[in-house]
Amino acid sequence: MKKILNTVLLAFLISFNLSAQDVVELTDDEIRNIEINELLELVKTNKSIFLNEDNKRLNSFITKVSDRQALLDDAKTKLANEIDRNINLEASFEQNEKTLAELEEKLEIKVGVLGELFGVTRQYAGELLAASENSVVFYEFPNRPEVLKDIGQEKVHNLDQLENLWISYFDEIVAGSEIKNFEATITAPNGENIVGEVTRYGLFSASYDGKFVKPVSSLNSFQLLAKQPENTFTKTLSKHKRADEYTNVSIDPTRGFLLSLYLDKANWFERIAQGKSIGFVIIFIGFIGLAFSIFKIIKLREYSNEVLNDKADNIPSKMESLIKDGASRESKENIIDEFIINYSSKIEWGNNWVKFFAAVAPLLGLLGTVIGMIETFQAITLFGTGDPKQMAGGISQALVTTMLGLIVAAPLLGMYTYLSEKTESIVQVLEEKASYILSKD
């Protein structure tokens, strides 16, 4: 701050001298001498100021030396104490290690043959714990996992722990031989929790309201399967629940593995979807062919009634009315033949379309097979043969389209055979009627 004031003072003096030049003209040497003298005075003044400040800082430092010496002595004392403490801790650690080794040796001597017993105890506790995590009896024994975990972590077990393991296994044996109803929480596929009566069939499976459920210990509930087995299996659950005597019931002997496979089992629509667009086209052609065949069968019944009935407006009456104008037998025969040809073409119309639908369905199935195999080889090219799942999509399309083509073609071919025979039978009756009419003339 003082430097700034001195600089301002010097600038002021210089500016004052410059302003004075306007009044008195000075030579350059005089001006230079004046500036040098002013600068000299300024240096002397600053020297005295800085010297006073340095003296003050030096005196302050000297007065604090004693305080710093006290801090240094205190730090040295603490360092010496910590060194002594470290030496004591190292000695105590070594002594504790020796004591621990001696105690372990004594423990091994005392345990003796019981060490094998304790090892088997830990093994069986771990096995029962693993089996109980997703077991159907987890809801009935909520404290079992904690007890088994404690037994599995202990190196030496007491009598209570051995008895708890023994009782847990007896509970498991009893639960495996009974069918029991109890109240539990059920989680629906949409995530909603409800409380209802669950029926447990031994250690194998459980059901709720005639449907299979699987235990989920992490949710502390039974989860209702999104996909259930066939009705032949689920009906036995409802039947057994209503029965008052012994009856058959479906269970999962694998304790949930088979039921889990039903979650990945595709339904009919999903199987058709595996055939992709070709599969849906085949199904569409099958429906068109079936609808057309039904329509053709209805029309053939109408034609058959027209030919067989003896009413006034039937086909024989029409033929008799046509030949009345015939002059000779030959002309009458020509009229009858022309009528039979026209009527036969009317009856036979549409049969070839059914044949076409029956023939094109397996061809489309073959097309889907080729496309599926192409996709399979593309997957092999990209991913190799290490992962069969990469090839499953193309193989599924190849097999599903072939299956759909055969399923559609077989009934349509039977429809075509029936329609052809029915058409021939009607035409044959029509020809017989025509021959009878000509024989009367």
Protein backbone atom coordinates (compact mmCIF):
# COMPACT_ATOMS: atom_id res chain seq x y z
CA MET A 1 0.00 0.00 0.00
CA LYS A 2 2.86 2.36 0.83
CA LYS A 3 4.50 1.63 -2.51
CA ILE A 4 1.33 2.65 -4.24
CA LEU A 5 1.15 5.91 -2.24
CA ASN A 6 4.77 6.71 -3.04
CA THR A 7 4.21 6.05 -6.71
CA VAL A 8 1.15 8.28 -6.70
CA LEU A 9 3.15 10.99 -4.89
CA LEU A 10 5.95 10.73 -7.43
CA ALA A 11 3.48 10.97 -10.31
CA PHE A 12 1.89 13.95 -8.60
CA LEU A 13 5.25 15.70 -8.22
CA ILE A 14 6.15 15.00 -11.80
CA SER A 15 2.79 16.27 -13.00
CA PHE A 16 3.22 19.29 -10.73
CA ASN A 17 6.63 20.01 -12.17
CA LEU A 18 5.29 19.64 -15.66
CA SER A 19 2.51 22.08 -14.88
CA ALA A 20 5.06 24.46 -13.44
CA GLN A 21 6.93 24.41 -16.70
CA ASP A 22 4.05 26.21 -18.24
CA VAL A 23 4.86 29.11 -15.94
CA VAL A 24 8.69 28.91 -15.70
CA GLU A 25 10.76 27.55 -18.50
CA LEU A 26 13.47 25.18 -17.26
CA THR A 27 16.29 23.67 -19.12
CA ASP A 28 16.62 19.95 -19.66
CA ASP A 29 19.53 19.64 -17.21
CA GLU A 30 17.56 21.36 -14.49
CA ILE A 31 14.59 19.14 -14.99
CA ARG A 32 16.80 16.03 -14.91
CA ASN A 33 18.47 17.17 -11.67
CA ILE A 34 15.11 17.83 -10.06
CA GLU A 35 13.78 14.36 -11.01
CA ILE A 36 16.93 12.66 -9.75
CA ASN A 37 16.71 14.46 -6.43
CA GLU A 38 13.04 13.54 -6.07
CA LEU A 39 13.76 9.90 -6.88
CA LEU A 40 16.56 9.89 -4.31
CA GLU A 41 14.26 11.26 -1.64
CA LEU A 42 11.64 8.65 -2.53
CA VAL A 43 14.16 5.81 -2.22
CA LYS A 44 15.29 7.02 1.17
CA THR A 45 11.74 7.26 2.40
CA ASN A 46 10.85 3.73 1.19
CA LYS A 47 14.02 2.31 2.70
CA SER A 48 13.10 3.53 6.13
CA ILE A 49 9.56 2.20 5.77
CA PHE A 50 10.65 -1.31 4.60
CA LEU A 51 13.31 -1.46 7.29
CA ASN A 52 10.72 -0.83 10.00
CA GLU A 53 8.48 -3.58 8.59
CA ASP A 54 11.31 -6.10 8.46
CA ASN A 55 12.19 -5.33 12.06
CA LYS A 56 8.63 -5.93 13.13
CA ARG A 57 8.46 -9.36 11.35
CA LEU A 58 11.79 -10.40 12.83
CA ASN A 59 10.71 -9.49 16.35
CA SER A 60 7.41 -11.43 15.87
CA PHE A 61 9.30 -14.54 14.68
CA ILE A 62 11.72 -14.40 17.61
CA THR A 63 8.89 -14.16 20.13
CA LYS A 64 7.21 -17.36 18.66
CA VAL A 65 10.31 -19.54 18.73
CA SER A 66 9.47 -20.80 22.19
CA ASP A 67 5.98 -21.80 21.08
CA ARG A 68 7.36 -23.77 18.13
CA GLN A 69 9.85 -25.50 20.36
CA ALA A 70 7.03 -26.60 22.64
CA LEU A 71 5.10 -28.04 19.67
CA LEU A 72 8.18 -29.88 18.46
CA ASP A 73 8.79 -31.40 21.88
CA ASP A 74 5.16 -32.53 22.09
CA ALA A 75 5.35 -34.17 18.65
CA LYS A 76 8.54 -36.03 19.61
CA THR A 77 6.88 -37.27 22.79
CA LYS A 78 3.84 -38.58 20.86
CA LEU A 79 6.10 -40.29 18.33
CA ALA A 80 8.01 -42.06 21.07
CA ASN A 81 4.74 -43.19 22.67
CA GLU A 82 3.44 -44.59 19.38
CA ILE A 83 6.68 -46.46 18.78
CA ASP A 84 6.39 -48.05 22.21
CA ARG A 85 2.74 -48.89 21.56
CA ASN A 86 3.62 -50.49 18.20
CA ILE A 87 6.26 -52.64 19.86
CA ASN A 88 3.75 -53.77 22.51
CA LEU A 89 1.10 -54.58 19.89
CA GLU A 90 3.54 -56.64 17.83
CA ALA A 91 4.54 -58.59 20.89
CA SER A 92 0.89 -59.11 21.84
CA PHE A 93 0.05 -60.25 18.28
CA GLU A 94 2.84 -62.80 18.29
CA GLN A 95 1.76 -64.06 21.69
CA ASN A 96 -1.88 -64.35 20.52
CA GLU A 97 -0.80 -66.31 17.45
CA LYS A 98 1.10 -68.75 19.62
CA THR A 99 -1.86 -69.05 21.99
CA LEU A 100 -4.27 -69.60 19.07
CA ALA A 101 -2.05 -72.30 17.59
CA GLU A 102 -1.86 -74.05 20.96
CA LEU A 103 -5.66 -73.86 21.37
CA GLU A 104 -6.25 -75.24 17.86
CA GLU A 105 -3.91 -78.10 18.59
CA LYS A 106 -5.72 -78.81 21.83
CA LEU A 107 -9.08 -78.62 19.97
CA GLU A 108 -7.97 -81.13 17.38
CA ILE A 109 -6.80 -83.47 20.10
CA LYS A 110 -10.07 -83.16 22.00
CA VAL A 111 -12.25 -83.44 18.92
CA GLY A 112 -10.50 -86.56 17.68
CA VAL A 113 -12.92 -88.83 15.80
CA LEU A 114 -15.75 -86.29 16.26
CA GLY A 115 -14.19 -84.15 13.51
CA GLU A 116 -15.55 -86.50 10.90
CA LEU A 117 -18.98 -86.32 12.56
CA PHE A 118 -18.96 -82.53 12.46
CA GLY A 119 -17.91 -82.57 8.80
CA VAL A 120 -20.80 -84.86 7.90
CA THR A 121 -23.12 -82.61 9.91
CA ARG A 122 -22.07 -79.56 7.91
CA GLN A 123 -22.44 -81.51 4.67
CA TYR A 124 -25.97 -82.69 5.42
CA ALA A 125 -26.99 -79.24 6.66
CA GLY A 126 -25.81 -77.73 3.37
CA GLU A 127 -27.64 -80.34 1.31
CA LEU A 128 -30.91 -79.84 3.19
CA LEU A 129 -30.52 -76.05 2.94
CA ALA A 130 -30.08 -76.26 -0.84
CA ALA A 131 -33.10 -78.54 -1.15
CA SER A 132 -35.26 -76.31 1.06
CA GLU A 133 -34.68 -73.02 -0.80
CA ASN A 134 -37.28 -73.75 -3.49
CA SER A 135 -39.08 -76.63 -1.82
CA VAL A 136 -42.85 -76.78 -1.46
CA VAL A 137 -42.41 -76.97 2.34
CA PHE A 138 -40.49 -73.71 2.70
CA TYR A 139 -43.66 -71.86 3.76
CA GLU A 140 -44.29 -74.30 6.63
CA PHE A 141 -40.75 -74.05 8.06
CA PRO A 142 -39.72 -70.39 7.75
CA ASN A 143 -36.92 -70.63 10.35
CA ARG A 144 -35.23 -73.67 8.84
CA PRO A 145 -32.78 -71.78 6.52
CA GLU A 146 -31.31 -69.74 9.39
CA VAL A 147 -30.87 -72.84 11.56
CA LEU A 148 -29.18 -74.78 8.77
CA LYS A 149 -26.90 -71.85 7.90
CA ASP A 150 -25.70 -71.67 11.51
CA ILE A 151 -25.02 -75.41 11.54
CA GLY A 152 -23.14 -75.21 8.24
CA GLN A 153 -20.87 -72.41 9.49
CA GLU A 154 -19.98 -73.93 12.84
CA LYS A 155 -16.79 -75.95 13.12
CA VAL A 156 -17.79 -77.66 16.35
CA HIS A 157 -21.47 -78.29 16.97
CA ASN A 158 -23.26 -78.51 20.24
CA LEU A 159 -26.02 -80.91 21.15
CA ASP A 160 -28.84 -78.47 20.31
CA GLN A 161 -27.54 -77.99 16.77
CA LEU A 162 -27.31 -81.72 16.19
CA GLU A 163 -30.87 -82.15 17.47
CA ASN A 164 -32.12 -79.32 15.23
CA LEU A 165 -30.59 -81.00 12.16
CA TRP A 166 -32.10 -84.34 13.20
CA ILE A 167 -35.55 -82.77 13.68
CA SER A 168 -35.30 -80.93 10.33
CA TYR A 169 -34.68 -84.19 8.51
CA PHE A 170 -37.56 -85.86 10.33
CA ASP A 171 -39.84 -82.96 9.34
CA GLU A 172 -38.74 -83.46 5.75
CA ILE A 173 -39.50 -87.19 5.90
CA VAL A 174 -42.95 -86.58 7.40
CA ALA A 175 -43.75 -83.86 4.85
CA GLY A 176 -42.83 -86.19 2.01
CA SER A 177 -45.47 -88.71 3.06
CA GLU A 178 -48.50 -86.44 3.51
CA ILE A 179 -50.95 -84.32 1.53
CA LYS A 180 -51.56 -81.13 3.43
CA ASN A 181 -53.74 -78.03 3.04
CA PHE A 182 -52.55 -74.71 4.49
CA GLU A 183 -53.08 -70.99 4.02
CA ALA A 184 -50.38 -69.21 2.03
CA THR A 185 -49.74 -66.21 -0.20
CA ILE A 186 -50.19 -66.81 -3.94
CA THR A 187 -48.68 -64.52 -6.57
CA ALA A 188 -50.69 -64.32 -9.79
CA PRO A 189 -48.95 -63.93 -13.20
CA ASN A 190 -49.93 -60.23 -13.20
CA GLY A 191 -48.09 -59.69 -9.88
CA GLU A 192 -51.18 -59.54 -7.64
CA ASN A 193 -50.86 -61.28 -4.27
CA ILE A 194 -53.78 -63.18 -2.78
CA VAL A 195 -54.16 -65.41 0.26
CA GLY A 196 -55.71 -68.81 -0.31
CA GLU A 197 -55.57 -72.48 0.53
CA VAL A 198 -52.64 -74.33 -1.04
CA THR A 199 -52.59 -78.10 -1.30
CA ARG A 200 -49.17 -79.71 -0.99
CA TYR A 201 -48.59 -83.19 -2.40
CA GLY A 202 -45.63 -84.53 -0.43
CA LEU A 203 -42.38 -82.91 -1.52
CA PHE A 204 -43.28 -82.99 -5.21
CA SER A 205 -45.74 -80.26 -6.16
CA ALA A 206 -48.45 -77.92 -4.89
CA SER A 207 -51.71 -76.57 -6.29
CA TYR A 208 -54.19 -73.77 -5.75
CA ASP A 209 -57.76 -73.76 -7.05
CA GLY A 210 -57.08 -76.69 -9.37
CA LYS A 211 -53.91 -75.14 -10.84
CA PHE A 212 -50.26 -75.87 -10.28
CA VAL A 213 -48.10 -73.39 -8.37
CA LYS A 214 -44.37 -73.24 -7.81
CA PRO A 215 -42.65 -72.14 -4.58
CA VAL A 216 -40.66 -68.89 -4.68
CA SER A 217 -38.86 -68.44 -1.38
CA SER A 218 -37.47 -65.03 -2.37
CA LEU A 219 -41.05 -63.70 -2.59
CA ASN A 220 -42.22 -65.76 0.39
CA SER A 221 -45.16 -66.99 -1.70
CA PHE A 222 -46.30 -69.54 -4.24
CA GLN A 223 -46.34 -68.34 -7.84
CA LEU A 224 -49.18 -69.42 -10.10
CA LEU A 225 -47.84 -70.85 -13.35
CA ALA A 226 -48.61 -68.68 -16.38
CA LYS A 227 -49.03 -71.82 -18.50
CA GLN A 228 -50.71 -74.88 -17.09
CA PRO A 229 -50.44 -78.48 -18.33
CA GLU A 230 -53.23 -80.12 -20.30
CA ASN A 231 -56.70 -80.37 -18.81
CA THR A 232 -56.21 -84.08 -18.27
CA PHE A 233 -53.67 -83.23 -15.56
CA THR A 234 -55.30 -80.18 -13.98
CA LYS A 235 -58.68 -81.91 -13.77
CA THR A 236 -57.18 -84.51 -11.43
CA LEU A 237 -56.28 -81.71 -8.99
CA SER A 238 -59.86 -80.46 -8.75
CA LYS A 239 -61.20 -84.01 -8.62
CA HIS A 240 -58.84 -84.95 -5.79
CA LYS A 241 -59.75 -81.84 -3.79
CA ARG A 242 -63.49 -82.70 -3.97
CA ALA A 243 -63.03 -86.42 -3.35
CA ASP A 244 -63.69 -87.97 0.05
CA GLU A 245 -61.73 -91.13 -0.70
CA TYR A 246 -58.56 -92.20 -2.42
CA THR A 247 -58.24 -90.99 -6.00
CA ASN A 248 -55.53 -90.40 -8.58
CA VAL A 249 -53.81 -87.03 -8.75
CA SER A 250 -51.12 -85.66 -11.07
CA ILE A 251 -47.83 -84.60 -9.49
CA ASP A 252 -44.43 -83.55 -10.75
CA PRO A 253 -41.92 -86.22 -9.62
CA THR A 254 -39.02 -83.94 -10.61
CA ARG A 255 -40.13 -81.33 -8.03
CA GLY A 256 -40.90 -78.58 -10.51
CA PHE A 257 -38.59 -79.26 -13.44
CA LEU A 258 -41.28 -80.70 -15.72
CA LEU A 259 -43.70 -77.92 -14.86
CA SER A 260 -41.04 -75.32 -15.67
CA LEU A 261 -40.75 -76.84 -19.15
CA TYR A 262 -44.39 -75.96 -19.84
CA LEU A 263 -43.44 -72.29 -19.66
CA ASP A 264 -41.30 -72.80 -22.77
CA LYS A 265 -43.77 -75.09 -24.51
CA ALA A 266 -45.32 -73.40 -27.55
CA ASN A 267 -49.08 -73.48 -28.14
CA TRP A 268 -50.67 -74.06 -31.56
CA PHE A 269 -50.62 -70.41 -32.56
CA GLU A 270 -46.97 -70.06 -31.55
CA ARG A 271 -46.11 -73.18 -33.54
CA ILE A 272 -47.84 -71.77 -36.62
CA ALA A 273 -46.00 -68.48 -36.04
CA GLN A 274 -42.71 -70.40 -36.23
CA GLY A 275 -43.54 -71.03 -39.89
CA LYS A 276 -43.63 -67.23 -40.37
CA SER A 277 -45.47 -65.83 -43.40
CA ILE A 278 -45.41 -69.12 -45.36
CA GLY A 279 -47.19 -70.89 -42.50
CA PHE A 280 -49.98 -68.30 -42.33
CA VAL A 281 -50.43 -68.46 -46.12
CA ILE A 282 -50.82 -72.24 -45.93
CA ILE A 283 -53.42 -71.91 -43.19
CA PHE A 284 -55.26 -69.26 -45.22
CA ILE A 285 -55.33 -71.55 -48.26
CA GLY A 286 -56.59 -74.38 -46.09
CA PHE A 287 -59.51 -72.29 -44.82
CA ILE A 288 -60.38 -71.18 -48.36
CA GLY A 289 -60.25 -74.77 -49.62
CA LEU A 290 -62.36 -76.03 -46.72
CA ALA A 291 -64.98 -73.30 -47.16
CA PHE A 292 -65.13 -73.89 -50.91
CA SER A 293 -65.44 -77.66 -50.39
CA ILE A 294 -68.35 -77.20 -47.97
CA PHE A 295 -70.03 -74.86 -50.45
CA LYS A 296 -69.52 -77.42 -53.24
CA ILE A 297 -70.97 -80.25 -51.13
CA ILE A 298 -74.09 -78.18 -50.45
CA LYS A 299 -74.48 -77.44 -54.19
CA LEU A 300 -74.03 -81.11 -55.10
CA ARG A 301 -76.83 -82.06 -52.70
CA GLU A 302 -79.08 -79.55 -54.47
CA TYR A 303 -78.13 -81.00 -57.87
CA SER A 304 -78.75 -84.52 -56.59
CA ASN A 305 -82.22 -83.57 -55.40
CA GLU A 306 -83.00 -82.01 -58.78
CA VAL A 307 -81.99 -85.19 -60.59
CA LEU A 308 -83.58 -87.76 -58.27
CA ASN A 309 -86.88 -86.07 -57.41
CA ASP A 310 -89.94 -86.68 -59.64
CA LYS A 311 -91.52 -83.28 -59.23
CA ALA A 312 -92.74 -81.20 -62.12
CA ASP A 313 -89.79 -78.80 -62.11
CA ASN A 314 -87.02 -81.41 -61.81
CA ILE A 315 -84.37 -82.33 -64.38
CA PRO A 316 -86.19 -85.35 -65.94
CA SER A 317 -89.25 -83.17 -66.55
CA LYS A 318 -87.07 -80.56 -68.23
CA MET A 319 -85.54 -83.19 -70.50
CA GLU A 320 -88.98 -84.52 -71.47
CA SER A 321 -90.14 -81.02 -72.32
CA LEU A 322 -87.04 -80.46 -74.49
CA ILE A 323 -87.46 -83.57 -76.65
CA LYS A 324 -91.11 -82.91 -77.46
CA ASP A 325 -90.05 -80.66 -80.31
CA GLY A 326 -87.65 -83.27 -81.72
CA ALA A 327 -88.69 -84.60 -85.15
CA SER A 328 -86.64 -87.77 -85.02
CA ARG A 329 -84.91 -89.98 -82.50
CA GLU A 330 -81.51 -88.74 -83.54
CA SER A 331 -82.48 -85.12 -82.94
CA LYS A 332 -83.90 -86.06 -79.55
CA GLU A 333 -80.63 -87.79 -78.64
CA ASN A 334 -78.65 -84.72 -79.67
CA ILE A 335 -80.88 -82.51 -77.53
CA ILE A 336 -80.46 -84.83 -74.53
CA ASP A 337 -76.66 -85.06 -75.03
CA GLU A 338 -76.32 -81.30 -75.22
CA PHE A 339 -78.39 -80.89 -72.06
CA ILE A 340 -76.33 -83.52 -70.20
CA ILE A 341 -73.05 -81.88 -71.25
CA ASN A 342 -74.19 -78.46 -70.09
CA TYR A 343 -75.57 -79.75 -66.82
CA SER A 344 -72.50 -81.95 -66.17
CA SER A 345 -70.14 -78.98 -66.59
CA LYS A 346 -72.30 -77.11 -64.09
CA ILE A 347 -72.04 -79.99 -61.62
CA GLU A 348 -68.29 -80.52 -62.11
CA TRP A 349 -67.40 -76.84 -61.73
CA GLY A 350 -65.17 -76.18 -58.73
CA ASN A 351 -63.77 -79.69 -58.25
CA ASN A 352 -60.45 -78.76 -59.84
CA TRP A 353 -60.14 -75.74 -57.54
CA VAL A 354 -60.28 -78.06 -54.53
CA LYS A 355 -57.64 -80.20 -56.20
CA PHE A 356 -55.54 -77.09 -56.77
CA PHE A 357 -55.73 -76.09 -53.10
CA ALA A 358 -54.79 -79.63 -52.07
CA ALA A 359 -51.77 -79.58 -54.40
CA VAL A 360 -50.48 -76.07 -53.65
CA ALA A 361 -50.42 -76.51 -49.84
CA PRO A 362 -47.56 -79.08 -49.72
CA LEU A 363 -45.70 -77.09 -52.37
CA LEU A 364 -45.81 -74.04 -50.12
CA GLY A 365 -44.68 -76.28 -47.27
CA LEU A 366 -41.72 -77.34 -49.39
CA LEU A 367 -40.99 -73.67 -50.10
CA GLY A 368 -40.99 -72.94 -46.37
CA THR A 369 -38.64 -75.90 -45.85
CA VAL A 370 -36.18 -74.51 -48.36
CA ILE A 371 -36.33 -71.03 -46.81
CA GLY A 372 -35.86 -72.49 -43.31
CA MET A 373 -32.80 -74.49 -44.39
CA ILE A 374 -31.32 -71.39 -46.04
CA GLU A 375 -31.72 -69.48 -42.76
CA THR A 376 -30.14 -72.42 -40.91
CA PHE A 377 -27.05 -72.42 -43.13
CA GLN A 378 -26.80 -68.64 -42.79
CA ALA A 379 -26.82 -69.02 -39.00
CA ILE A 380 -24.10 -71.69 -39.26
CA THR A 381 -22.03 -69.36 -41.44
CA LEU A 382 -22.31 -66.49 -38.94
CA PHE A 383 -22.18 -68.28 -35.57
CA GLY A 384 -20.81 -71.74 -36.35
CA THR A 385 -22.22 -74.98 -34.98
CA GLY A 386 -21.33 -74.36 -31.33
CA ASP A 387 -24.75 -73.01 -30.32
CA PRO A 388 -27.71 -75.12 -31.56
CA LYS A 389 -30.15 -72.35 -30.57
CA GLN A 390 -28.88 -70.20 -33.43
CA MET A 391 -30.01 -72.91 -35.87
CA ALA A 392 -33.28 -73.76 -34.15
CA GLY A 393 -35.27 -70.94 -35.78
CA GLY A 394 -34.57 -72.04 -39.36
CA ILE A 395 -35.11 -75.72 -38.58
CA SER A 396 -38.41 -74.91 -36.85
CA GLN A 397 -39.63 -72.98 -39.89
CA ALA A 398 -38.60 -75.83 -42.20
CA LEU A 399 -40.44 -78.48 -40.17
CA VAL A 400 -43.52 -76.40 -39.27
CA THR A 401 -44.25 -75.35 -42.87
CA THR A 402 -43.91 -78.95 -44.04
CA MET A 403 -46.26 -80.09 -41.28
CA LEU A 404 -48.83 -77.39 -42.11
CA GLY A 405 -48.68 -78.22 -45.82
CA LEU A 406 -49.41 -81.89 -45.14
CA ILE A 407 -52.14 -81.09 -42.61
CA VAL A 408 -53.92 -78.85 -45.12
CA ALA A 409 -53.37 -81.12 -48.15
CA ALA A 410 -54.66 -84.37 -46.62
CA PRO A 411 -58.27 -83.28 -45.81
CA LEU A 412 -58.54 -81.23 -49.03
CA LEU A 413 -57.48 -84.26 -51.05
CA GLY A 414 -60.16 -86.29 -49.26
CA MET A 415 -62.70 -83.56 -50.07
CA TYR A 416 -61.69 -83.64 -53.73
CA THR A 417 -62.10 -87.42 -53.87
CA TYR A 418 -65.55 -87.20 -52.30
CA LEU A 419 -66.64 -84.38 -54.64
CA SER A 420 -65.37 -86.26 -57.71
CA GLU A 421 -67.22 -89.43 -56.80
CA LYS A 422 -70.37 -87.50 -55.94
CA THR A 423 -70.22 -85.64 -59.25
CA GLU A 424 -69.75 -88.86 -61.24
CA SER A 425 -72.63 -90.46 -59.36
CA ILE A 426 -74.98 -87.55 -60.20
CA VAL A 427 -73.92 -87.55 -63.88
CA GLN A 428 -74.42 -91.31 -64.07
CA VAL A 429 -77.94 -91.02 -62.64
CA LEU A 430 -78.63 -88.18 -65.06
CA GLU A 431 -77.55 -90.35 -68.02
CA GLU A 432 -79.71 -93.21 -66.80
CA LYS A 433 -82.69 -90.87 -66.54
CA ALA A 434 -82.01 -89.62 -70.06
CA SER A 435 -81.82 -93.17 -71.45
CA TYR A 436 -85.12 -94.04 -69.75
CA ILE A 437 -86.80 -90.96 -71.24
CA LEU A 438 -85.51 -91.79 -74.75
CA SER A 439 -86.62 -95.42 -74.40
CA LYS A 440 -90.19 -94.33 -73.70
CA ASP A 441 -90.33 -92.48 -77.07
